Amino acid sequence: MSEHATEQPAANRAATRYLVAVYSLNPASRPDAHTVACLMLHKGLLSDDDLRAFIQQHIETGIVPELILSSDEFMQTMNCVTPSTARETRVPALFKQLREYCTRPQATRFQEPLLDGAGYTLGFLSLEPGQWQHTYDVATMLQETMQRDATRVA
């Protein structure tokens, strides 16, 4: 009887992760804005260390870092900017809800704590594929609505 070793055992293969994080960028990186909240969605093989490096660079610079992803991986960031002239910080309900989930005990924290631009300790969520897809769909609809509203105001 011959064995075929074409696949690695499941325990040795990296599994696709479905990650969500919400964080504020460093205000100094966007002096024209008071609050810049970011929703990050990732589907792929990103390690915690690579995720931390990505988020930390984004917080510090305000520029979305470039990632090399395979064809079946996905990364999206979505910013919500509240100008310093606004009377109150308006962050979409989706951002608020996900930020709250990211502070719960079920959220994952980095080994070495990472603070966002507003001084909050950052956590992220590992979701089931269906939950992640639903979050992506809602974020996409929100982004389209925000772009339509911005076009109308301009």
Protein backbone atom coordinates (compact mmCIF):
# COMPACT_ATOMS: atom_id res chain seq x y z
CA MET A 1 0.00 0.00 0.00
CA SER A 2 1.50 3.38 -0.98
CA GLU A 3 0.82 6.68 0.74
CA HIS A 4 0.45 9.98 -1.03
CA ALA A 5 1.81 12.97 0.88
CA THR A 6 0.34 15.68 -1.30
CA GLU A 7 -1.45 17.49 1.54
CA GLN A 8 -0.15 18.56 4.89
CA PRO A 9 -2.15 17.43 7.91
CA ALA A 10 -4.79 19.99 8.85
CA ALA A 11 -3.00 20.86 12.11
CA ASN A 12 0.10 22.01 10.19
CA ARG A 13 -1.68 24.14 7.59
CA ALA A 14 -2.43 27.76 8.28
CA ALA A 15 -6.16 28.35 8.40
CA THR A 16 -7.86 31.33 6.83
CA ARG A 17 -8.73 33.88 9.47
CA TYR A 18 -11.66 36.30 9.29
CA LEU A 19 -10.64 39.38 11.25
CA VAL A 20 -12.25 42.71 12.12
CA ALA A 21 -10.79 45.65 14.04
CA VAL A 22 -11.89 49.23 14.68
CA TYR A 23 -9.38 51.85 15.73
CA SER A 24 -8.68 55.57 15.64
CA LEU A 25 -5.77 56.96 13.68
CA ASN A 26 -3.26 59.26 15.33
CA PRO A 27 -4.74 62.78 15.15
CA ALA A 28 -1.32 64.24 14.35
CA SER A 29 -1.32 62.28 11.06
CA ARG A 30 -4.50 64.08 9.97
CA PRO A 31 -4.34 67.68 11.29
CA ASP A 32 -7.38 68.56 9.16
CA ALA A 33 -9.58 66.18 11.17
CA HIS A 34 -10.47 65.68 14.80
CA THR A 35 -11.41 62.02 14.58
CA VAL A 36 -10.48 59.43 12.00
CA ALA A 37 -11.95 56.04 12.85
CA CYS A 38 -10.98 53.03 10.77
CA LEU A 39 -12.76 49.75 10.20
CA MET A 40 -10.39 47.01 9.03
CA LEU A 41 -11.61 43.73 7.52
CA HIS A 42 -9.17 40.95 6.65
CA LYS A 43 -9.68 37.46 5.27
CA GLY A 44 -6.50 35.48 4.95
CA LEU A 45 -3.42 34.10 6.63
CA LEU A 46 -2.11 37.22 8.37
CA SER A 47 -0.35 36.41 11.65
CA ASP A 48 -1.00 38.40 14.82
CA ASP A 49 2.45 40.02 14.48
CA ASP A 50 1.80 41.04 10.87
CA LEU A 51 -1.67 42.32 11.79
CA ARG A 52 -0.19 44.36 14.63
CA ALA A 53 2.48 45.84 12.34
CA PHE A 54 -0.16 46.75 9.73
CA ILE A 55 -2.47 48.43 12.26
CA GLN A 56 0.34 50.19 14.12
CA GLN A 57 1.74 51.68 10.90
CA HIS A 58 -1.75 52.77 9.83
CA ILE A 59 -2.41 54.43 13.21
CA GLU A 60 0.93 56.24 13.21
CA THR A 61 1.01 57.44 9.60
CA GLY A 62 -2.62 57.61 8.51
CA ILE A 63 -1.55 55.78 5.35
CA VAL A 64 -2.87 52.27 4.69
CA PRO A 65 0.19 49.99 4.56
CA GLU A 66 0.69 47.88 1.46
CA LEU A 67 0.26 44.14 1.90
CA ILE A 68 1.12 41.36 -0.48
CA LEU A 69 -1.89 39.09 -0.51
CA SER A 70 -2.59 35.87 -2.36
CA SER A 71 -5.52 35.68 -4.76
CA ASP A 72 -7.81 34.22 -2.08
CA GLU A 73 -6.93 36.80 0.60
CA PHE A 74 -8.62 40.15 1.13
CA MET A 75 -7.91 43.34 3.10
CA GLN A 76 -10.10 46.43 3.29
CA THR A 77 -9.96 49.53 5.42
CA MET A 78 -12.71 52.10 5.64
CA ASN A 79 -12.22 55.50 7.29
CA CYS A 80 -14.79 57.77 8.84
CA VAL A 81 -13.48 61.32 9.18
CA THR A 82 -15.09 63.87 11.50
CA PRO A 83 -13.73 67.39 10.86
CA SER A 84 -12.51 69.34 13.88
CA THR A 85 -15.21 71.93 13.14
CA ALA A 86 -17.99 69.42 13.86
CA ARG A 87 -19.85 69.96 17.14
CA GLU A 88 -19.99 66.27 17.93
CA THR A 89 -18.12 63.20 16.79
CA ARG A 90 -20.33 61.29 14.39
CA VAL A 91 -19.19 57.75 13.94
CA PRO A 92 -21.49 55.28 12.18
CA ALA A 93 -23.32 52.81 14.41
CA LEU A 94 -21.45 49.92 12.77
CA PHE A 95 -18.12 51.38 13.92
CA LYS A 96 -19.44 51.94 17.46
CA GLN A 97 -20.88 48.43 17.70
CA LEU A 98 -17.73 46.74 16.40
CA ARG A 99 -15.50 48.85 18.67
CA GLU A 100 -17.61 47.74 21.61
CA TYR A 101 -17.27 44.08 20.55
CA CYS A 102 -13.51 44.57 20.21
CA THR A 103 -13.30 45.59 23.88
CA ARG A 104 -15.13 42.52 25.21
CA PRO A 105 -13.30 39.55 26.74
CA GLN A 106 -14.01 37.47 23.60
CA ALA A 107 -11.86 39.83 21.53
CA THR A 108 -8.20 39.04 21.01
CA ARG A 109 -5.59 41.42 22.39
CA PHE A 110 -2.04 41.66 21.18
CA GLN A 111 0.65 40.15 23.42
CA GLU A 112 2.16 43.59 23.84
CA PRO A 113 -0.78 46.04 24.16
CA LEU A 114 -1.34 48.36 21.20
CA LEU A 115 -3.03 51.72 21.72
CA ASP A 116 -4.93 53.44 18.95
CA GLY A 117 -4.78 57.17 18.17
CA ALA A 118 -7.44 57.92 20.81
CA GLY A 119 -5.53 56.02 23.51
CA TYR A 120 -7.75 52.91 23.61
CA THR A 121 -6.21 49.44 23.93
CA LEU A 122 -6.82 47.72 20.63
CA GLY A 123 -8.52 44.36 20.28
CA PHE A 124 -9.70 42.48 17.22
CA LEU A 125 -12.36 39.91 16.46
CA SER A 126 -11.99 36.54 14.81
CA LEU A 127 -15.30 35.83 13.12
CA GLU A 128 -16.91 32.87 11.44
CA PRO A 129 -16.94 33.20 7.62
CA GLY A 130 -20.68 34.01 7.50
CA GLN A 131 -20.37 36.66 10.23
CA TRP A 132 -17.40 38.22 8.46
CA GLN A 133 -19.27 38.28 5.13
CA HIS A 134 -22.28 39.94 6.77
CA THR A 135 -20.00 42.56 8.36
CA TYR A 136 -18.31 43.14 5.00
CA ASP A 137 -21.68 43.53 3.25
CA VAL A 138 -22.94 46.04 5.84
CA ALA A 139 -19.64 47.99 5.70
CA THR A 140 -19.82 48.10 1.89
CA MET A 141 -23.39 49.44 1.98
CA LEU A 142 -22.36 52.01 4.60
CA GLN A 143 -19.39 53.11 2.49
CA GLU A 144 -21.61 53.52 -0.59
CA THR A 145 -24.10 55.58 1.43
CA MET A 146 -21.35 57.78 2.87
CA GLN A 147 -19.91 58.38 -0.61
CA ARG A 148 -23.35 59.27 -2.00
CA ASP A 149 -23.95 61.66 0.90
CA ALA A 150 -20.53 63.28 0.43
CA THR A 151 -21.22 63.76 -3.28
CA ARG A 152 -24.56 65.36 -2.51
CA VAL A 153 -23.00 67.80 -0.02
CA ALA A 154 -20.15 68.75 -2.38
